[in-house]
Amino acid sequence: MSYRGSEGVVREMSPLNPAELYVIVVTRNGKTTVVTGWRGWLVGVAIFVAATALLFVVTFVMLGVAITAAAVLFIAVPVAVGVAILASLFRSPRA
């Protein structure tokens, strides 16, 4: 695998060089940007933290929806059963 270094020279990546193991390549509007070294690690950590935070937000929202739905069901089902029992008591004897 090769990439264009900061000097504009195409360099081959060596899997033995730990400084070149972490490379982020971003292409926008036809322009390619390569982030290596400590900046690459920093961008990678920032992306990881943002993805983890987004995952936690989605998890807590889904947990809140589940708890709310369960609470509504725990209240609505017994009320519906009670209303049905009361309705059966007030039913006319003709039927």
N, C-alpha and C. Protein backbone atom coordinates (compact mmCIF):
# COMPACT_ATOMS: atom_id res chain seq x y z
N MET A 1 0.85 -1.16 0.00
CA MET A 1 0.00 0.00 0.00
C MET A 1 0.90 1.23 0.00
N SER A 2 0.52 2.22 -0.78
CA SER A 2 1.31 3.44 -0.84
C SER A 2 0.41 4.63 -0.58
N TYR A 3 1.02 5.74 -0.22
CA TYR A 3 0.28 6.96 0.01
C TYR A 3 1.18 8.15 -0.27
N ARG A 4 0.56 9.31 -0.46
CA ARG A 4 1.33 10.51 -0.74
C ARG A 4 1.62 11.20 0.58
N GLY A 5 2.87 11.33 0.91
CA GLY A 5 3.29 11.94 2.17
C GLY A 5 3.12 13.44 2.15
N SER A 6 3.46 14.08 3.27
CA SER A 6 3.28 15.52 3.39
C SER A 6 4.19 16.28 2.43
N GLU A 7 5.26 15.64 1.99
CA GLU A 7 6.18 16.30 1.06
C GLU A 7 5.68 16.18 -0.37
N GLY A 8 4.60 15.46 -0.61
CA GLY A 8 4.10 15.26 -1.95
C GLY A 8 4.71 14.06 -2.64
N VAL A 9 5.53 13.31 -1.93
CA VAL A 9 6.20 12.14 -2.50
C VAL A 9 5.38 10.90 -2.16
N VAL A 10 5.20 10.03 -3.14
CA VAL A 10 4.48 8.78 -2.90
C VAL A 10 5.41 7.85 -2.15
N ARG A 11 4.94 7.38 -0.98
CA ARG A 11 5.77 6.50 -0.16
C ARG A 11 5.07 5.17 0.02
N GLU A 12 5.84 4.13 0.16
CA GLU A 12 5.31 2.81 0.45
C GLU A 12 5.16 2.67 1.96
N MET A 13 4.02 2.13 2.38
CA MET A 13 3.83 1.91 3.82
C MET A 13 4.51 0.63 4.24
N SER A 14 5.23 0.72 5.31
CA SER A 14 5.88 -0.46 5.86
C SER A 14 5.09 -0.93 7.07
N PRO A 15 4.66 -2.19 7.09
CA PRO A 15 3.91 -2.68 8.26
C PRO A 15 4.80 -2.78 9.50
N LEU A 16 6.10 -2.62 9.33
CA LEU A 16 7.00 -2.71 10.47
C LEU A 16 7.20 -1.36 11.13
N ASN A 17 6.82 -0.27 10.48
CA ASN A 17 6.97 1.05 11.04
C ASN A 17 5.67 1.44 11.75
N PRO A 18 5.67 1.48 13.09
CA PRO A 18 4.43 1.76 13.81
C PRO A 18 3.88 3.16 13.54
N ALA A 19 4.73 4.10 13.15
CA ALA A 19 4.25 5.45 12.88
C ALA A 19 3.39 5.48 11.62
N GLU A 20 3.57 4.54 10.72
CA GLU A 20 2.82 4.53 9.48
C GLU A 20 1.68 3.51 9.49
N LEU A 21 1.43 2.88 10.62
CA LEU A 21 0.36 1.89 10.68
C LEU A 21 -1.01 2.54 10.69
N TYR A 22 -1.10 3.75 11.21
CA TYR A 22 -2.39 4.41 11.33
C TYR A 22 -2.45 5.55 10.33
N VAL A 23 -3.19 5.35 9.26
CA VAL A 23 -3.31 6.35 8.20
C VAL A 23 -4.79 6.55 7.92
N ILE A 24 -5.22 7.80 7.87
CA ILE A 24 -6.59 8.13 7.52
C ILE A 24 -6.55 8.90 6.21
N VAL A 25 -7.30 8.43 5.23
CA VAL A 25 -7.35 9.08 3.92
C VAL A 25 -8.75 9.63 3.72
N VAL A 26 -8.85 10.93 3.48
CA VAL A 26 -10.12 11.60 3.28
C VAL A 26 -10.09 12.24 1.89
N THR A 27 -11.13 11.95 1.09
CA THR A 27 -11.23 12.55 -0.23
C THR A 27 -12.49 13.39 -0.28
N ARG A 28 -12.33 14.69 -0.51
CA ARG A 28 -13.45 15.62 -0.63
C ARG A 28 -13.25 16.48 -1.86
N ASN A 29 -14.29 16.56 -2.66
CA ASN A 29 -14.27 17.40 -3.86
C ASN A 29 -13.06 17.12 -4.73
N GLY A 30 -12.68 15.87 -4.84
CA GLY A 30 -11.56 15.49 -5.69
C GLY A 30 -10.20 15.70 -5.06
N LYS A 31 -10.13 16.25 -3.86
CA LYS A 31 -8.86 16.49 -3.19
C LYS A 31 -8.68 15.44 -2.09
N THR A 32 -7.54 14.77 -2.11
CA THR A 32 -7.26 13.72 -1.13
C THR A 32 -6.36 14.27 -0.04
N THR A 33 -6.76 14.04 1.20
CA THR A 33 -5.97 14.45 2.36
C THR A 33 -5.58 13.19 3.13
N VAL A 34 -4.30 13.06 3.44
CA VAL A 34 -3.81 11.91 4.19
C VAL A 34 -3.36 12.40 5.57
N VAL A 35 -3.90 11.79 6.62
CA VAL A 35 -3.55 12.15 7.98
C VAL A 35 -2.78 10.98 8.58
N THR A 36 -1.54 11.24 9.00
CA THR A 36 -0.69 10.19 9.55
C THR A 36 -0.13 10.63 10.89
N GLY A 37 0.55 9.71 11.53
CA GLY A 37 1.26 10.03 12.78
C GLY A 37 0.31 10.33 13.92
N TRP A 38 0.75 11.28 14.78
CA TRP A 38 -0.05 11.59 15.97
C TRP A 38 -1.36 12.26 15.59
N ARG A 39 -1.39 12.98 14.47
CA ARG A 39 -2.66 13.58 14.03
C ARG A 39 -3.64 12.49 13.61
N GLY A 40 -3.13 11.44 12.98
CA GLY A 40 -3.98 10.32 12.60
C GLY A 40 -4.57 9.63 13.82
N TRP A 41 -3.71 9.43 14.83
CA TRP A 41 -4.20 8.82 16.08
C TRP A 41 -5.24 9.73 16.74
N LEU A 42 -4.97 11.04 16.74
CA LEU A 42 -5.89 11.98 17.36
C LEU A 42 -7.24 11.98 16.64
N VAL A 43 -7.22 12.00 15.31
CA VAL A 43 -8.47 11.96 14.55
C VAL A 43 -9.18 10.63 14.79
N GLY A 44 -8.44 9.54 14.83
CA GLY A 44 -9.04 8.23 15.08
C GLY A 44 -9.69 8.15 16.45
N VAL A 45 -9.02 8.69 17.47
CA VAL A 45 -9.59 8.69 18.82
C VAL A 45 -10.83 9.58 18.86
N ALA A 46 -10.78 10.72 18.18
CA ALA A 46 -11.95 11.61 18.16
C ALA A 46 -13.13 10.94 17.49
N ILE A 47 -12.88 10.24 16.39
CA ILE A 47 -13.96 9.53 15.70
C ILE A 47 -14.51 8.42 16.59
N PHE A 48 -13.63 7.69 17.27
CA PHE A 48 -14.06 6.62 18.17
C PHE A 48 -14.91 7.17 19.31
N VAL A 49 -14.48 8.27 19.92
CA VAL A 49 -15.23 8.87 21.03
C VAL A 49 -16.59 9.36 20.54
N ALA A 50 -16.63 9.98 19.36
CA ALA A 50 -17.91 10.47 18.82
C ALA A 50 -18.86 9.31 18.52
N ALA A 51 -18.32 8.23 17.93
CA ALA A 51 -19.16 7.07 17.62
C ALA A 51 -19.68 6.40 18.90
N THR A 52 -18.82 6.32 19.91
CA THR A 52 -19.22 5.73 21.19
C THR A 52 -20.29 6.59 21.87
N ALA A 53 -20.11 7.91 21.84
CA ALA A 53 -21.10 8.81 22.44
C ALA A 53 -22.44 8.69 21.71
N LEU A 54 -22.39 8.61 20.38
CA LEU A 54 -23.62 8.44 19.61
C LEU A 54 -24.31 7.12 19.94
N LEU A 55 -23.53 6.07 20.11
CA LEU A 55 -24.08 4.77 20.48
C LEU A 55 -24.75 4.83 21.85
N PHE A 56 -24.12 5.51 22.81
CA PHE A 56 -24.72 5.65 24.14
C PHE A 56 -26.01 6.45 24.07
N VAL A 57 -26.04 7.52 23.28
CA VAL A 57 -27.26 8.33 23.17
C VAL A 57 -28.40 7.50 22.58
N VAL A 58 -28.11 6.77 21.51
CA VAL A 58 -29.13 5.93 20.89
C VAL A 58 -29.60 4.85 21.87
N THR A 59 -28.66 4.26 22.61
CA THR A 59 -29.02 3.23 23.59
C THR A 59 -29.94 3.78 24.67
N PHE A 60 -29.61 4.95 25.21
CA PHE A 60 -30.43 5.51 26.28
C PHE A 60 -31.79 5.97 25.76
N VAL A 61 -31.87 6.45 24.53
CA VAL A 61 -33.16 6.81 23.96
C VAL A 61 -34.03 5.58 23.79
N MET A 62 -33.44 4.50 23.25
CA MET A 62 -34.21 3.26 23.08
C MET A 62 -34.63 2.68 24.43
N LEU A 63 -33.76 2.76 25.41
CA LEU A 63 -34.11 2.29 26.75
C LEU A 63 -35.25 3.12 27.33
N GLY A 64 -35.22 4.42 27.12
CA GLY A 64 -36.30 5.30 27.59
C GLY A 64 -37.62 4.98 26.90
N VAL A 65 -37.57 4.71 25.60
CA VAL A 65 -38.79 4.34 24.87
C VAL A 65 -39.34 3.03 25.41
N ALA A 66 -38.46 2.06 25.66
CA ALA A 66 -38.90 0.76 26.16
C ALA A 66 -39.53 0.88 27.56
N ILE A 67 -38.91 1.66 28.42
CA ILE A 67 -39.44 1.83 29.78
C ILE A 67 -40.78 2.57 29.73
N THR A 68 -40.89 3.57 28.88
CA THR A 68 -42.14 4.31 28.76
C THR A 68 -43.26 3.42 28.23
N ALA A 69 -42.96 2.62 27.20
CA ALA A 69 -43.97 1.72 26.65
C ALA A 69 -44.41 0.70 27.68
N ALA A 70 -43.47 0.17 28.44
CA ALA A 70 -43.82 -0.81 29.48
C ALA A 70 -44.68 -0.17 30.56
N ALA A 71 -44.34 1.04 30.97
CA ALA A 71 -45.13 1.73 32.00
C ALA A 71 -46.55 2.00 31.51
N VAL A 72 -46.68 2.43 30.25
CA VAL A 72 -48.02 2.68 29.70
C VAL A 72 -48.82 1.39 29.65
N LEU A 73 -48.19 0.30 29.23
CA LEU A 73 -48.90 -0.98 29.17
C LEU A 73 -49.29 -1.47 30.55
N PHE A 74 -48.40 -1.30 31.52
CA PHE A 74 -48.71 -1.74 32.89
C PHE A 74 -49.87 -0.94 33.48
N ILE A 75 -50.10 0.25 32.99
CA ILE A 75 -51.23 1.05 33.48
C ILE A 75 -52.46 0.83 32.60
N ALA A 76 -52.28 0.80 31.29
CA ALA A 76 -53.42 0.74 30.37
C ALA A 76 -54.13 -0.61 30.37
N VAL A 77 -53.38 -1.70 30.46
CA VAL A 77 -54.00 -3.03 30.41
C VAL A 77 -54.91 -3.28 31.62
N PRO A 78 -54.46 -3.03 32.84
CA PRO A 78 -55.38 -3.22 33.98
C PRO A 78 -56.59 -2.27 33.93
N VAL A 79 -56.40 -1.05 33.46
CA VAL A 79 -57.53 -0.12 33.34
C VAL A 79 -58.53 -0.65 32.31
N ALA A 80 -58.03 -1.16 31.20
CA ALA A 80 -58.93 -1.71 30.17
C ALA A 80 -59.68 -2.93 30.71
N VAL A 81 -59.02 -3.77 31.46
CA VAL A 81 -59.68 -4.93 32.05
C VAL A 81 -60.75 -4.47 33.04
N GLY A 82 -60.44 -3.48 33.86
CA GLY A 82 -61.42 -2.94 34.82
C GLY A 82 -62.61 -2.34 34.14
N VAL A 83 -62.37 -1.58 33.06
CA VAL A 83 -63.50 -0.99 32.31
C VAL A 83 -64.35 -2.09 31.68
N ALA A 84 -63.73 -3.14 31.19
CA ALA A 84 -64.49 -4.25 30.60
C ALA A 84 -65.33 -4.96 31.65
N ILE A 85 -64.79 -5.15 32.84
CA ILE A 85 -65.56 -5.79 33.92
C ILE A 85 -66.73 -4.90 34.33
N LEU A 86 -66.48 -3.58 34.47
CA LEU A 86 -67.58 -2.67 34.83
C LEU A 86 -68.63 -2.63 33.73
N ALA A 87 -68.23 -2.65 32.49
CA ALA A 87 -69.19 -2.64 31.39
C ALA A 87 -70.03 -3.90 31.38
N SER A 88 -69.42 -5.04 31.72
CA SER A 88 -70.19 -6.28 31.76
C SER A 88 -71.19 -6.28 32.92
N LEU A 89 -70.88 -5.58 34.00
CA LEU A 89 -71.81 -5.50 35.13
C LEU A 89 -73.03 -4.64 34.79
N PHE A 90 -72.83 -3.59 33.98
CA PHE A 90 -73.92 -2.70 33.64
C PHE A 90 -74.64 -3.08 32.36
N ARG A 91 -74.34 -4.25 31.86
CA ARG A 91 -75.00 -4.72 30.63
C ARG A 91 -76.47 -5.04 30.94
N SER A 92 -77.31 -4.80 29.98
CA SER A 92 -78.73 -5.06 30.21
C SER A 92 -78.98 -6.57 30.22
N PRO A 93 -79.92 -7.04 31.04
CA PRO A 93 -80.17 -8.48 31.14
C PRO A 93 -80.85 -9.08 29.91
N ARG A 94 -81.35 -8.25 28.99
CA ARG A 94 -82.03 -8.77 27.79
C ARG A 94 -81.09 -9.56 26.89
N ALA A 95 -79.84 -9.18 26.85
CA ALA A 95 -78.92 -9.81 25.91
C ALA A 95 -78.38 -11.07 26.44
